[in-house]
């Protein structure tokens, strides 16, 4: 059986690509080391190196388990993974399969010294990634404290003004938001409750913020409970570190005032209705 040679390449952001980590550049560097031999290329573009759940990497591992590949080339351990534990896990997994893992930048000998250097490089890479993430988070928080909206959060009823970095009212969508609040507080015949409101919007052909034709009850509930509509838009609400999404304590939220669509009294009454609907659904 003729065993194949594989190249693995990965890039997570456009910024990395600008600094020489683009997929074509990685493949070219690896191919120069391999020579004219035909290879299989496995490339993950726009995928974080902090997770092993990557389409191309998963296929590469599958082909290795099928005993089809005996050599893997990668530009650098950083491209294989940003986490030391994952680097070592893949290295050990492939060595058990008799696969030779080769790096263009730092092909470490299988010696105690080489293994130590490989481990240290992975640790440094992970540290650098953590520092970059921390600096980016700090920068976003500072920008939010200056009253800037960080990006387009796709909030129904608003558009994102990229120049001023603010939320501005979308008149067409704002009319629908007001209609939703009117329906929940003064239900017309046949439109009682969140699910009925969603069906009515769908039947009327009203598109969602992302252009979908069907409204779901959860989307309606989110509109009815979102304080942005009374002029209170909060940033820094969610902690997405360590591949988990957690709600931060309220004191860490950063308030960004924005144009209100709904009066505070109307919003408060809507919360009372939502609360009563939740109680009735449990009883």
C-alpha atoms as a PDB file:
ATOM      1  CA  UNK A   1       0.000   0.000   0.000  1.00  0.00           C
ATOM      2  CA  UNK A   2       1.311   3.431  -0.929  1.00  0.00           C
ATOM      3  CA  UNK A   3       1.105   5.722   2.083  1.00  0.00           C
ATOM      4  CA  UNK A   4       0.257   9.356   1.581  1.00  0.00           C
ATOM      5  CA  UNK A   5       1.868  12.568   2.824  1.00  0.00           C
ATOM      6  CA  UNK A   6      -0.404  15.220   4.299  1.00  0.00           C
ATOM      7  CA  UNK A   7      -0.069  18.958   4.846  1.00  0.00           C
ATOM      8  CA  UNK A   8      -2.094  20.571   7.605  1.00  0.00           C
ATOM      9  CA  UNK A   9      -2.665  24.345   7.543  1.00  0.00           C
ATOM     10  CA  UNK A  10      -4.819  26.612   9.688  1.00  0.00           C
ATOM     11  CA  UNK A  11      -5.590  30.314   9.932  1.00  0.00           C
ATOM     12  CA  UNK A  12      -8.015  31.803  12.442  1.00  0.00           C
ATOM     13  CA  UNK A  13      -8.285  35.485  11.543  1.00  0.00           C
ATOM     14  CA  UNK A  14      -7.646  37.887   8.668  1.00  0.00           C
ATOM     15  CA  UNK A  15      -5.065  39.570  10.868  1.00  0.00           C
ATOM     16  CA  UNK A  16      -3.019  36.390  11.038  1.00  0.00           C
ATOM     17  CA  UNK A  17      -3.261  36.059   7.278  1.00  0.00           C
ATOM     18  CA  UNK A  18      -1.853  39.569   6.879  1.00  0.00           C
ATOM     19  CA  UNK A  19       1.154  38.561   8.946  1.00  0.00           C
ATOM     20  CA  UNK A  20       2.133  35.639   6.773  1.00  0.00           C
ATOM     21  CA  UNK A  21       0.010  32.828   8.158  1.00  0.00           C
ATOM     22  CA  UNK A  22      -2.286  32.550   5.139  1.00  0.00           C
ATOM     23  CA  UNK A  23      -3.290  29.071   3.997  1.00  0.00           C
ATOM     24  CA  UNK A  24      -1.524  29.278   0.581  1.00  0.00           C
ATOM     25  CA  UNK A  25       1.700  30.484   2.211  1.00  0.00           C
ATOM     26  CA  UNK A  26       1.643  27.635   4.739  1.00  0.00           C
ATOM     27  CA  UNK A  27       1.029  25.046   2.031  1.00  0.00           C
ATOM     28  CA  UNK A  28       3.829  26.476  -0.111  1.00  0.00           C
ATOM     29  CA  UNK A  29       6.331  26.381   2.757  1.00  0.00           C
ATOM     30  CA  UNK A  30       5.440  22.769   3.549  1.00  0.00           C
ATOM     31  CA  UNK A  31       5.536  21.724  -0.111  1.00  0.00           C
ATOM     32  CA  UNK A  32       9.030  23.203  -0.449  1.00  0.00           C
ATOM     33  CA  UNK A  33      10.189  20.872   2.331  1.00  0.00           C
ATOM     34  CA  UNK A  34       8.463  17.848   0.827  1.00  0.00           C
ATOM     35  CA  UNK A  35       9.534  18.376  -2.763  1.00  0.00           C
ATOM     36  CA  UNK A  36       7.603  17.308  -5.833  1.00  0.00           C
ATOM     37  CA  UNK A  37       5.820  14.418  -4.111  1.00  0.00           C
ATOM     38  CA  UNK A  38       2.027  14.573  -4.364  1.00  0.00           C
ATOM     39  CA  UNK A  39       0.350  15.410  -1.066  1.00  0.00           C
ATOM     40  CA  UNK A  40      -3.076  15.680   0.526  1.00  0.00           C
ATOM     41  CA  UNK A  41      -3.907  19.131   1.915  1.00  0.00           C
ATOM     42  CA  UNK A  42      -6.098  19.595   4.984  1.00  0.00           C
ATOM     43  CA  UNK A  43      -6.852  23.261   5.679  1.00  0.00           C
ATOM     44  CA  UNK A  44      -9.020  24.906   8.343  1.00  0.00           C
ATOM     45  CA  UNK A  45      -9.689  28.546   7.478  1.00  0.00           C
ATOM     46  CA  UNK A  46     -11.249  30.893  10.007  1.00  0.00           C
ATOM     47  CA  UNK A  47     -11.063  28.276  12.779  1.00  0.00           C
ATOM     48  CA  UNK A  48      -9.598  28.832  16.238  1.00  0.00           C
ATOM     49  CA  UNK A  49      -6.546  26.856  17.240  1.00  0.00           C
ATOM     50  CA  UNK A  50      -7.923  26.503  20.763  1.00  0.00           C
ATOM     51  CA  UNK A  51     -10.285  23.664  19.860  1.00  0.00           C
ATOM     52  CA  UNK A  52      -9.780  20.241  18.280  1.00  0.00           C
ATOM     53  CA  UNK A  53     -13.252  20.401  16.729  1.00  0.00           C
ATOM     54  CA  UNK A  54     -12.083  21.487  13.276  1.00  0.00           C
ATOM     55  CA  UNK A  55     -13.423  19.966  10.041  1.00  0.00           C
ATOM     56  CA  UNK A  56     -10.120  19.509   8.220  1.00  0.00           C
ATOM     57  CA  UNK A  57      -8.240  18.366  11.326  1.00  0.00           C
ATOM     58  CA  UNK A  58     -11.000  15.862  12.048  1.00  0.00           C
ATOM     59  CA  UNK A  59     -10.735  14.440   8.528  1.00  0.00           C
ATOM     60  CA  UNK A  60      -6.936  14.251   8.818  1.00  0.00           C
ATOM     61  CA  UNK A  61      -7.214  12.300  12.075  1.00  0.00           C
ATOM     62  CA  UNK A  62      -9.749   9.972  10.477  1.00  0.00           C
ATOM     63  CA  UNK A  63      -7.448   9.257   7.520  1.00  0.00           C
ATOM     64  CA  UNK A  64      -4.565   8.622   9.895  1.00  0.00           C
ATOM     65  CA  UNK A  65      -6.666   6.154  11.912  1.00  0.00           C
ATOM     66  CA  UNK A  66      -7.508   4.442   8.619  1.00  0.00           C
ATOM     67  CA  UNK A  67      -3.744   3.963   8.137  1.00  0.00           C
ATOM     68  CA  UNK A  68      -3.719   6.004   4.923  1.00  0.00           C
ATOM     69  CA  UNK A  69      -1.204   8.665   5.989  1.00  0.00           C
ATOM     70  CA  UNK A  70       2.239   8.200   7.474  1.00  0.00           C
ATOM     71  CA  UNK A  71       3.696  11.720   7.286  1.00  0.00           C
ATOM     72  CA  UNK A  72       2.183  15.064   8.273  1.00  0.00           C
ATOM     73  CA  UNK A  73       3.775  18.435   7.554  1.00  0.00           C
ATOM     74  CA  UNK A  74       2.759  21.646   9.310  1.00  0.00           C
ATOM     75  CA  UNK A  75       4.303  25.106   9.198  1.00  0.00           C
ATOM     76  CA  UNK A  76       4.561  25.485  12.961  1.00  0.00           C
ATOM     77  CA  UNK A  77       3.156  23.935  16.150  1.00  0.00           C
ATOM     78  CA  UNK A  78       0.987  27.072  16.514  1.00  0.00           C
ATOM     79  CA  UNK A  79      -0.848  26.103  13.329  1.00  0.00           C
ATOM     80  CA  UNK A  80      -1.500  22.624  14.714  1.00  0.00           C
ATOM     81  CA  UNK A  81      -2.946  23.975  17.955  1.00  0.00           C
ATOM     82  CA  UNK A  82      -2.752  26.967  20.259  1.00  0.00           C
ATOM     83  CA  UNK A  83      -3.003  24.735  23.306  1.00  0.00           C
ATOM     84  CA  UNK A  84      -0.016  22.803  24.575  1.00  0.00           C
ATOM     85  CA  UNK A  85      -2.223  19.953  25.794  1.00  0.00           C
ATOM     86  CA  UNK A  86      -3.748  19.564  22.331  1.00  0.00           C
ATOM     87  CA  UNK A  87      -0.337  19.688  20.641  1.00  0.00           C
ATOM     88  CA  UNK A  88       0.931  16.897  22.863  1.00  0.00           C
ATOM     89  CA  UNK A  89      -2.287  14.905  22.491  1.00  0.00           C
ATOM     90  CA  UNK A  90      -2.079  14.950  18.685  1.00  0.00           C
ATOM     91  CA  UNK A  91       1.637  14.206  18.729  1.00  0.00           C
ATOM     92  CA  UNK A  92       1.168  11.158  20.960  1.00  0.00           C
ATOM     93  CA  UNK A  93      -1.912   9.991  19.022  1.00  0.00           C
ATOM     94  CA  UNK A  94      -0.099  10.099  15.691  1.00  0.00           C
ATOM     95  CA  UNK A  95       3.115   8.572  17.010  1.00  0.00           C
ATOM     96  CA  UNK A  96       1.085   5.557  18.133  1.00  0.00           C
ATOM     97  CA  UNK A  97      -0.112   5.257  14.520  1.00  0.00           C
ATOM     98  CA  UNK A  98       3.460   5.360  13.283  1.00  0.00           C
ATOM     99  CA  UNK A  99       3.004   8.824  11.768  1.00  0.00           C
ATOM    100  CA  UNK A 100       5.905  11.233  11.420  1.00  0.00           C
ATOM    101  CA  UNK A 101       4.936  14.808  12.348  1.00  0.00           C
ATOM    102  CA  UNK A 102       7.194  17.435  10.754  1.00  0.00           C
ATOM    103  CA  UNK A 103       7.287  21.191  11.269  1.00  0.00           C
ATOM    104  CA  UNK A 104       8.833  23.635   8.802  1.00  0.00           C
ATOM    105  CA  UNK A 105       9.703  26.035  11.630  1.00  0.00           C
ATOM    106  CA  UNK A 106      11.186  23.841  14.346  1.00  0.00           C
ATOM    107  CA  UNK A 107      11.391  20.154  13.463  1.00  0.00           C
ATOM    108  CA  UNK A 108      12.343  18.953  16.919  1.00  0.00           C
ATOM    109  CA  UNK A 109      14.350  15.794  17.410  1.00  0.00           C
ATOM    110  CA  UNK A 110      12.701  12.972  19.367  1.00  0.00           C
ATOM    111  CA  UNK A 111      15.032  13.438  22.317  1.00  0.00           C
ATOM    112  CA  UNK A 112      14.388  14.605  25.881  1.00  0.00           C
ATOM    113  CA  UNK A 113      15.811  17.993  24.939  1.00  0.00           C
ATOM    114  CA  UNK A 114      13.750  18.177  21.764  1.00  0.00           C
ATOM    115  CA  UNK A 115      10.578  17.172  23.596  1.00  0.00           C
ATOM    116  CA  UNK A 116      11.226  19.803  26.255  1.00  0.00           C
ATOM    117  CA  UNK A 117      11.793  22.492  23.628  1.00  0.00           C
ATOM    118  CA  UNK A 118       8.588  21.449  21.846  1.00  0.00           C
ATOM    119  CA  UNK A 119       6.633  21.617  25.107  1.00  0.00           C
ATOM    120  CA  UNK A 120       8.098  25.002  26.011  1.00  0.00           C
ATOM    121  CA  UNK A 121       7.280  26.434  22.589  1.00  0.00           C
ATOM    122  CA  UNK A 122       3.698  25.249  22.935  1.00  0.00           C
ATOM    123  CA  UNK A 123       3.448  26.787  26.397  1.00  0.00           C
ATOM    124  CA  UNK A 124       4.791  30.100  25.100  1.00  0.00           C
ATOM    125  CA  UNK A 125       2.330  30.008  22.189  1.00  0.00           C
ATOM    126  CA  UNK A 126      -0.562  29.432  24.579  1.00  0.00           C
ATOM    127  CA  UNK A 127       0.676  32.257  26.820  1.00  0.00           C
ATOM    128  CA  UNK A 128       0.935  34.644  23.852  1.00  0.00           C
ATOM    129  CA  UNK A 129      -2.586  33.745  22.736  1.00  0.00           C
ATOM    130  CA  UNK A 130      -3.914  34.399  26.241  1.00  0.00           C
ATOM    131  CA  UNK A 131      -2.154  37.773  26.380  1.00  0.00           C
ATOM    132  CA  UNK A 132      -3.523  38.785  22.959  1.00  0.00           C
ATOM    133  CA  UNK A 133      -7.035  37.798  24.034  1.00  0.00           C
ATOM    134  CA  UNK A 134      -6.678  39.708  27.309  1.00  0.00           C
ATOM    135  CA  UNK A 135      -5.478  42.861  25.503  1.00  0.00           C
ATOM    136  CA  UNK A 136      -8.318  42.640  22.997  1.00  0.00           C
ATOM    137  CA  UNK A 137     -10.882  42.250  25.788  1.00  0.00           C
ATOM    138  CA  UNK A 138      -9.404  45.191  27.663  1.00  0.00           C
ATOM    139  CA  UNK A 139      -9.530  47.307  24.508  1.00  0.00           C
ATOM    140  CA  UNK A 140     -13.179  46.406  23.859  1.00  0.00           C
ATOM    141  CA  UNK A 141     -14.130  47.244  27.442  1.00  0.00           C
ATOM    142  CA  UNK A 142     -12.404  50.617  27.218  1.00  0.00           C
ATOM    143  CA  UNK A 143     -14.142  51.367  23.929  1.00  0.00           C
ATOM    144  CA  UNK A 144     -17.497  50.442  25.494  1.00  0.00           C
ATOM    145  CA  UNK A 145     -16.808  52.720  28.467  1.00  0.00           C
ATOM    146  CA  UNK A 146     -16.356  55.550  25.958  1.00  0.00           C
ATOM    147  CA  UNK A 147     -19.944  54.955  24.851  1.00  0.00           C
ATOM    148  CA  UNK A 148     -19.147  53.143  21.602  1.00  0.00           C
ATOM    149  CA  UNK A 149     -21.141  50.150  20.345  1.00  0.00           C
ATOM    150  CA  UNK A 150     -18.539  47.507  19.495  1.00  0.00           C
ATOM    151  CA  UNK A 151     -20.233  45.902  16.495  1.00  0.00           C
ATOM    152  CA  UNK A 152     -23.567  45.255  14.801  1.00  0.00           C
ATOM    153  CA  UNK A 153     -25.449  43.123  17.313  1.00  0.00           C
ATOM    154  CA  UNK A 154     -28.406  42.684  14.912  1.00  0.00           C
ATOM    155  CA  UNK A 155     -31.013  44.076  17.319  1.00  0.00           C
ATOM    156  CA  UNK A 156     -34.444  44.210  15.725  1.00  0.00           C
ATOM    157  CA  UNK A 157     -35.666  47.797  15.541  1.00  0.00           C
ATOM    158  CA  UNK A 158     -32.165  49.258  15.223  1.00  0.00           C
ATOM    159  CA  UNK A 159     -29.427  49.672  12.642  1.00  0.00           C
ATOM    160  CA  UNK A 160     -25.723  49.972  13.432  1.00  0.00           C
ATOM    161  CA  UNK A 161     -24.107  53.255  12.427  1.00  0.00           C
ATOM    162  CA  UNK A 162     -20.528  52.167  11.672  1.00  0.00           C
ATOM    163  CA  UNK A 163     -19.224  55.742  11.427  1.00  0.00           C
ATOM    164  CA  UNK A 164     -20.442  56.907  14.837  1.00  0.00           C
ATOM    165  CA  UNK A 165     -20.488  53.380  16.320  1.00  0.00           C
ATOM    166  CA  UNK A 166     -23.989  53.843  17.682  1.00  0.00           C
ATOM    167  CA  UNK A 167     -27.406  52.231  17.454  1.00  0.00           C
ATOM    168  CA  UNK A 168     -29.928  54.185  15.390  1.00  0.00           C
ATOM    169  CA  UNK A 169     -33.628  53.449  15.041  1.00  0.00           C
ATOM    170  CA  UNK A 170     -34.815  51.543  11.987  1.00  0.00           C
ATOM    171  CA  UNK A 171     -38.267  53.141  11.441  1.00  0.00           C
ATOM    172  CA  UNK A 172     -39.855  50.123   9.720  1.00  0.00           C
ATOM    173  CA  UNK A 173     -38.698  47.642  12.333  1.00  0.00           C
ATOM    174  CA  UNK A 174     -39.475  50.049  15.190  1.00  0.00           C
ATOM    175  CA  UNK A 175     -43.114  50.085  14.051  1.00  0.00           C
ATOM    176  CA  UNK A 176     -43.203  46.281  14.351  1.00  0.00           C
ATOM    177  CA  UNK A 177     -41.624  46.430  17.818  1.00  0.00           C
ATOM    178  CA  UNK A 178     -44.347  48.818  18.971  1.00  0.00           C
ATOM    179  CA  UNK A 179     -46.980  46.537  17.424  1.00  0.00           C
ATOM    180  CA  UNK A 180     -45.597  43.551  19.369  1.00  0.00           C
ATOM    181  CA  UNK A 181     -45.853  45.453  22.647  1.00  0.00           C
ATOM    182  CA  UNK A 182     -49.379  46.592  21.779  1.00  0.00           C
ATOM    183  CA  UNK A 183     -50.446  43.026  21.018  1.00  0.00           C
ATOM    184  CA  UNK A 184     -49.038  41.620  24.263  1.00  0.00           C
ATOM    185  CA  UNK A 185     -50.738  44.328  26.362  1.00  0.00           C
ATOM    186  CA  UNK A 186     -54.005  44.611  24.397  1.00  0.00           C
ATOM    187  CA  UNK A 187     -54.426  41.345  22.511  1.00  0.00           C
ATOM    188  CA  UNK A 188     -56.712  41.607  19.462  1.00  0.00           C
ATOM    189  CA  UNK A 189     -58.970  38.659  18.591  1.00  0.00           C
ATOM    190  CA  UNK A 190     -56.892  35.636  17.634  1.00  0.00           C
ATOM    191  CA  UNK A 191     -53.545  37.095  18.749  1.00  0.00           C
ATOM    192  CA  UNK A 192     -53.237  36.200  22.403  1.00  0.00           C
ATOM    193  CA  UNK A 193     -49.847  35.227  23.750  1.00  0.00           C
ATOM    194  CA  UNK A 194     -46.281  35.077  22.427  1.00  0.00           C
ATOM    195  CA  UNK A 195     -46.808  32.142  20.063  1.00  0.00           C
ATOM    196  CA  UNK A 196     -49.840  33.836  18.500  1.00  0.00           C
ATOM    197  CA  UNK A 197     -47.826  37.028  17.950  1.00  0.00           C
ATOM    198  CA  UNK A 198     -45.100  35.012  16.212  1.00  0.00           C
ATOM    199  CA  UNK A 199     -47.692  33.353  13.959  1.00  0.00           C
ATOM    200  CA  UNK A 200     -49.283  36.708  13.136  1.00  0.00           C
ATOM    201  CA  UNK A 201     -45.939  38.231  12.113  1.00  0.00           C
ATOM    202  CA  UNK A 202     -45.137  35.176  10.002  1.00  0.00           C
ATOM    203  CA  UNK A 203     -48.576  35.299   8.322  1.00  0.00           C
ATOM    204  CA  UNK A 204     -48.137  39.002   7.596  1.00  0.00           C
ATOM    205  CA  UNK A 205     -44.868  38.297   5.776  1.00  0.00           C
ATOM    206  CA  UNK A 206     -42.771  40.419   8.122  1.00  0.00           C
ATOM    207  CA  UNK A 207     -39.095  39.403   7.840  1.00  0.00           C
ATOM    208  CA  UNK A 208     -36.960  38.913  10.936  1.00  0.00           C
ATOM    209  CA  UNK A 209     -33.757  40.890  11.478  1.00  0.00           C
ATOM    210  CA  UNK A 210     -31.791  38.267   9.555  1.00  0.00           C
ATOM    211  CA  UNK A 211     -34.363  38.064   6.779  1.00  0.00           C
ATOM    212  CA  UNK A 212     -36.064  34.832   7.849  1.00  0.00           C
ATOM    213  CA  UNK A 213     -39.714  34.365   6.902  1.00  0.00           C
ATOM    214  CA  UNK A 214     -40.728  32.551  10.085  1.00  0.00           C
ATOM    215  CA  UNK A 215     -40.935  34.132  13.532  1.00  0.00           C
ATOM    216  CA  UNK A 216     -40.419  31.963  16.611  1.00  0.00           C
ATOM    217  CA  UNK A 217     -41.904  32.585  20.023  1.00  0.00           C
ATOM    218  CA  UNK A 218     -38.452  32.911  21.596  1.00  0.00           C
ATOM    219  CA  UNK A 219     -37.582  35.798  19.250  1.00  0.00           C
ATOM    220  CA  UNK A 220     -40.802  37.576  20.258  1.00  0.00           C
ATOM    221  CA  UNK A 221     -40.047  36.974  23.949  1.00  0.00           C
ATOM    222  CA  UNK A 222     -36.549  38.416  23.527  1.00  0.00           C
ATOM    223  CA  UNK A 223     -38.001  41.584  21.975  1.00  0.00           C
ATOM    224  CA  UNK A 224     -40.474  41.902  24.827  1.00  0.00           C
ATOM    225  CA  UNK A 225     -37.762  41.547  27.477  1.00  0.00           C
ATOM    226  CA  UNK A 226     -34.912  43.516  25.876  1.00  0.00           C
ATOM    227  CA  UNK A 227     -34.191  46.740  27.783  1.00  0.00           C
ATOM    228  CA  UNK A 228     -32.532  48.209  24.695  1.00  0.00           C
ATOM    229  CA  UNK A 229     -36.019  49.302  23.604  1.00  0.00           C
ATOM    230  CA  UNK A 230     -36.222  51.684  26.579  1.00  0.00           C
ATOM    231  CA  UNK A 231     -32.813  53.161  25.740  1.00  0.00           C
ATOM    232  CA  UNK A 232     -30.597  50.856  27.848  1.00  0.00           C
ATOM    233  CA  UNK A 233     -28.145  48.871  25.737  1.00  0.00           C
ATOM    234  CA  UNK A 234     -25.600  46.886  27.765  1.00  0.00           C
ATOM    235  CA  UNK A 235     -22.197  45.625  26.685  1.00  0.00           C
ATOM    236  CA  UNK A 236     -19.711  43.398  28.508  1.00  0.00           C
ATOM    237  CA  UNK A 237     -22.635  41.202  29.609  1.00  0.00           C
ATOM    238  CA  UNK A 238     -21.178  37.876  28.521  1.00  0.00           C
ATOM    239  CA  UNK A 239     -17.948  36.148  29.444  1.00  0.00           C
ATOM    240  CA  UNK A 240     -16.858  33.934  26.533  1.00  0.00           C
ATOM    241  CA  UNK A 241     -13.474  32.847  27.901  1.00  0.00           C
ATOM    242  CA  UNK A 242     -12.416  29.209  28.124  1.00  0.00           C
ATOM    243  CA  UNK A 243     -14.835  28.244  25.324  1.00  0.00           C
ATOM    244  CA  UNK A 244     -17.803  28.885  27.641  1.00  0.00           C
ATOM    245  CA  UNK A 245     -20.526  31.526  27.601  1.00  0.00           C
ATOM    246  CA  UNK A 246     -21.473  32.898  31.010  1.00  0.00           C
ATOM    247  CA  UNK A 247     -23.458  35.944  32.123  1.00  0.00           C
ATOM    248  CA  UNK A 248     -21.257  38.408  33.987  1.00  0.00           C
ATOM    249  CA  UNK A 249     -22.402  39.999  37.281  1.00  0.00           C
ATOM    250  CA  UNK A 250     -24.616  43.026  36.610  1.00  0.00           C
ATOM    251  CA  UNK A 251     -22.054  45.416  38.104  1.00  0.00           C
ATOM    252  CA  UNK A 252     -19.670  44.494  35.260  1.00  0.00           C
ATOM    253  CA  UNK A 253     -22.157  45.399  32.534  1.00  0.00           C
ATOM    254  CA  UNK A 254     -21.470  48.636  30.654  1.00  0.00           C
ATOM    255  CA  UNK A 255     -24.489  50.792  29.841  1.00  0.00           C
ATOM    256  CA  UNK A 256     -24.617  52.460  26.433  1.00  0.00           C
ATOM    257  CA  UNK A 257     -27.580  54.877  26.145  1.00  0.00           C
ATOM    258  CA  UNK A 258     -29.447  54.582  22.856  1.00  0.00           C
ATOM    259  CA  UNK A 259     -32.684  55.953  21.309  1.00  0.00           C
ATOM    260  CA  UNK A 260     -35.751  54.442  22.979  1.00  0.00           C
ATOM    261  CA  UNK A 261     -38.555  52.837  20.996  1.00  0.00           C
ATOM    262  CA  UNK A 262     -40.797  51.843  23.916  1.00  0.00           C
ATOM    263  CA  UNK A 263     -41.863  53.899  26.942  1.00  0.00           C
ATOM    264  CA  UNK A 264     -40.665  52.626  30.323  1.00  0.00           C
ATOM    265  CA  UNK A 265     -44.254  52.231  31.594  1.00  0.00           C
ATOM    266  CA  UNK A 266     -45.167  50.125  28.548  1.00  0.00           C
ATOM    267  CA  UNK A 267     -42.063  47.975  29.009  1.00  0.00           C
ATOM    268  CA  UNK A 268     -42.812  47.429  32.722  1.00  0.00           C
ATOM    269  CA  UNK A 269     -46.374  46.334  31.966  1.00  0.00           C
ATOM    270  CA  UNK A 270     -45.082  43.929  29.330  1.00  0.00           C
ATOM    271  CA  UNK A 271     -42.776  42.338  31.922  1.00  0.00           C
ATOM    272  CA  UNK A 272     -45.764  41.767  34.200  1.00  0.00           C
ATOM    273  CA  UNK A 273     -47.606  40.011  31.364  1.00  0.00           C
ATOM    274  CA  UNK A 274     -44.554  37.866  30.555  1.00  0.00           C
ATOM    275  CA  UNK A 275     -44.269  36.926  34.228  1.00  0.00           C
ATOM    276  CA  UNK A 276     -47.913  35.903  34.388  1.00  0.00           C
ATOM    277  CA  UNK A 277     -47.575  33.861  31.183  1.00  0.00           C
ATOM    278  CA  UNK A 278     -44.601  32.023  32.694  1.00  0.00           C
ATOM    279  CA  UNK A 279     -46.527  31.255  35.898  1.00  0.00           C
ATOM    280  CA  UNK A 280     -49.534  30.003  33.939  1.00  0.00           C
ATOM    281  CA  UNK A 281     -47.355  27.786  31.740  1.00  0.00           C
ATOM    282  CA  UNK A 282     -45.933  26.098  34.842  1.00  0.00           C
ATOM    283  CA  UNK A 283     -49.282  25.596  36.535  1.00  0.00           C
END
